[in-house]
Amino acid sequence: MMLITIHNKLEPFSHISPVAALLPNTLYQVTIYPTLIVFKNFEKTEEFKLFLDLKGPVEPFTIFLDLEKKGLTVKGFSQEGYFCYHLFANEEKVSLLLEKGPKSGIDYSGFKKGTILPKHTLDLPIKPAFPKPTKETLSLGMNKALDFDMIKRRADLKEIFPIWYRLAELIVDQPKTNVGTAKLLENCQELIEKKDRVNLEKAFLKVFKAAFFGMMVPRLNDEYQGIVPLEEKHGASPIYILKEGAKLIRSMFFMESENTFSILPSLPVGFHSGRFINIQTAFGSLDIEWSKKLLRQMVFKAAKDFSLKLNLQKPIDTFRVRLHKKDKGKNYLADDVIPIKANTAYFFDRFQK
């Protein structure tokens, strides 16, 4: 079977303390220091702290935002030895699991009395918030280590977009807002609607620099960078920036209208190659791959009978559709309608000028 897959793991990390990150499947920002964890609720202004009795300096010290296992992992060496703990949510609760620690365990205070011993779990006063997962995954041809401090320095959307998109899938929707840095998304949407492939990267980089800090934590102020004016926020949630930004990112690679699939409708000029898999449509699941800025192949797993119309990139005039690898297939013109049968996989290739 012909498949389009993505093997790169999305696990950005940072060695610099403190670092802020979103805890997947919750509405909490977590700021992590070697001996302190601060939990802040995005829905409310409340926060609580967990103090860890570790002897420093803690070197090396690494915080991982694991977007595969959907949690945060912290590792390091204190003066008493190696430690590693995980923060994660399940359907019922949010927990801290100490996987490895000094022989005496890790004492904690500021939460309740006691000691976290190796392999023990501490339940936290946080309510899980699970979105409906789709497992849509984006890759833009980058294979560098996801050191987020270097990612911010390089400011390359080919590294940023896959992280942004996956993280947004792990956070529930929040009400629309158009204050502060959220206003910058309006320009991105206008450029997508105009199919302005030249200026899209610059517009999204502006959003990234103004509206995010830590490891992709959204904010409504730009921390005095002069990008957006200061104004009252009145309880608006910055999570909207993460979620709406992801929807706009998706629309650059795929759009759907009735029985028409638009493939790479607003591909930025710098995105030479990439893959977008498990795209959920009204009629089934779609995987796409492109190289040299042009669509290379697609796999569509149909769930319904329908007639498919493709809206392809302008240089493409013809393509082939097959049902299996040894099938010679049938050639179609770009404007042709393709009959689709439910519970069937279709393989598209030979996209030619």
Foldseek 3Di string as FASTA:
>chain_A
DDDDDDDDFPKAKEQDPFFWDDQFQFQWIWTDDPFKIKIAHLQDGDIFMKGKPFADDWPRWMWICGLVVRWIKIWTATPQGIWIWIWHDDQAFIKIATQDDHCVAIAIDRADGDGHHHRDMDTDPGHGHFDDAQPKFKALPDDDHNHVVVCLVVLDVNSVLRNLLSRLRRDDDDDDDCAALNVLVVVLVVCLVVLVLACNSVSVSLSPQQAAGGNRDGDRGRVPPPSTDDDDDVSGGRSNSSNVVSVSVVSCAWDDDDQEIEGNSNHHPVRAWIKIFSDDDPFFTKIWIGHRNATFKMKTQGAAWDKHAYNGDPQFFKKFKDQDDPGPTDMDTNGDIHTDHHRGMIMIGPRHD
